[in-house]
């Protein structure tokens, strides 16, 4: 029997379930920049945040995680891309 597949990316709700923190605690950490996330396009136009397991584990353990692009930068890049598509 194959080993269960471990999730690499979490929604805010899934991150809360995985970490045993509340959704509001996860959202607060994201808002304060203590936990990283990425904007991803889901089903066409909808943009959702996803949290990488490595970042979530580091946040749970209180370790800082270095990333290359902030959520704000990602959203700005996505907005520019969408604007170009609709010109």
Protein backbone atom coordinates (compact mmCIF):
# COMPACT_ATOMS: atom_id res chain seq x y z
CA UNK A 1 0.00 0.00 0.00
CA UNK A 2 1.48 3.40 -0.97
CA UNK A 3 2.26 5.98 1.69
CA UNK A 4 -0.37 8.69 2.12
CA UNK A 5 0.27 11.80 0.09
CA UNK A 6 1.29 14.74 2.24
CA UNK A 7 -0.14 18.09 1.29
CA UNK A 8 2.49 20.68 0.30
CA UNK A 9 0.18 23.71 0.11
CA UNK A 10 -2.67 24.67 2.43
CA UNK A 11 -5.61 27.03 2.28
CA UNK A 12 -6.06 29.22 5.36
CA UNK A 13 -8.75 26.84 6.62
CA UNK A 14 -6.59 23.75 5.99
CA UNK A 15 -3.60 25.42 7.63
CA UNK A 16 -5.72 26.04 10.72
CA UNK A 17 -6.81 22.39 10.84
CA UNK A 18 -3.24 21.15 10.27
CA UNK A 19 -1.69 23.46 12.87
CA UNK A 20 -4.51 23.31 15.45
CA UNK A 21 -4.61 27.14 15.44
CA UNK A 22 -7.81 29.03 14.68
CA UNK A 23 -8.51 30.48 11.24
CA UNK A 24 -8.34 33.96 12.79
CA UNK A 25 -4.88 33.20 14.26
CA UNK A 26 -3.63 32.11 10.82
CA UNK A 27 -5.16 35.20 9.18
CA UNK A 28 -3.58 37.46 11.82
CA UNK A 29 -0.16 35.91 11.27
CA UNK A 30 -0.55 36.44 7.52
CA UNK A 31 -1.70 40.04 7.95
CA UNK A 32 1.22 40.80 10.31
CA UNK A 33 3.72 39.22 7.93
CA UNK A 34 4.68 36.49 10.41
CA UNK A 35 3.47 33.74 8.08
CA UNK A 36 4.04 33.72 4.33
CA UNK A 37 1.47 32.88 1.69
CA UNK A 38 1.16 33.04 -2.05
CA UNK A 39 -1.70 34.17 -4.23
CA UNK A 40 -2.87 31.49 -6.64
CA UNK A 41 -5.49 31.59 -9.33
CA UNK A 42 -8.34 29.14 -8.80
CA UNK A 43 -11.00 28.38 -11.40
CA UNK A 44 -10.31 31.31 -13.66
CA UNK A 45 -10.57 34.69 -11.97
CA UNK A 46 -10.63 33.85 -8.26
CA UNK A 47 -7.38 34.45 -6.39
CA UNK A 48 -6.80 32.58 -3.14
CA UNK A 49 -3.97 32.43 -0.62
CA UNK A 50 -1.99 29.25 -0.19
CA UNK A 51 0.54 28.50 2.53
CA UNK A 52 3.47 26.17 1.93
CA UNK A 53 3.88 23.38 4.49
CA UNK A 54 7.50 24.41 5.16
CA UNK A 55 6.42 27.98 6.02
CA UNK A 56 3.59 26.76 8.22
CA UNK A 57 5.84 24.33 10.10
CA UNK A 58 8.44 27.07 10.62
CA UNK A 59 5.79 29.48 11.93
CA UNK A 60 4.43 26.83 14.31
CA UNK A 61 7.95 26.22 15.62
CA UNK A 62 8.67 29.94 15.83
CA UNK A 63 11.41 29.89 13.18
CA UNK A 64 11.71 32.73 10.64
CA UNK A 65 11.38 31.75 6.98
CA UNK A 66 13.02 33.68 4.18
CA UNK A 67 11.00 34.01 1.00
CA UNK A 68 11.64 35.91 -2.17
CA UNK A 69 8.29 37.57 -2.87
CA UNK A 70 5.69 39.01 -0.51
CA UNK A 71 1.96 38.47 -0.89
CA UNK A 72 1.56 42.15 -1.81
CA UNK A 73 4.16 41.77 -4.58
CA UNK A 74 2.42 38.66 -5.86
CA UNK A 75 -0.98 40.34 -5.89
CA UNK A 76 0.44 43.39 -7.67
CA UNK A 77 2.03 41.13 -10.30
CA UNK A 78 -1.27 39.26 -10.76
CA UNK A 79 -3.25 42.53 -11.06
CA UNK A 80 -0.88 43.78 -13.76
CA UNK A 81 -1.16 40.48 -15.62
CA UNK A 82 -4.98 40.54 -15.46
CA UNK A 83 -5.08 44.16 -16.62
CA UNK A 84 -2.92 43.27 -19.62
CA UNK A 85 -5.20 40.34 -20.46
CA UNK A 86 -8.27 42.58 -20.49
CA UNK A 87 -6.86 45.41 -22.64
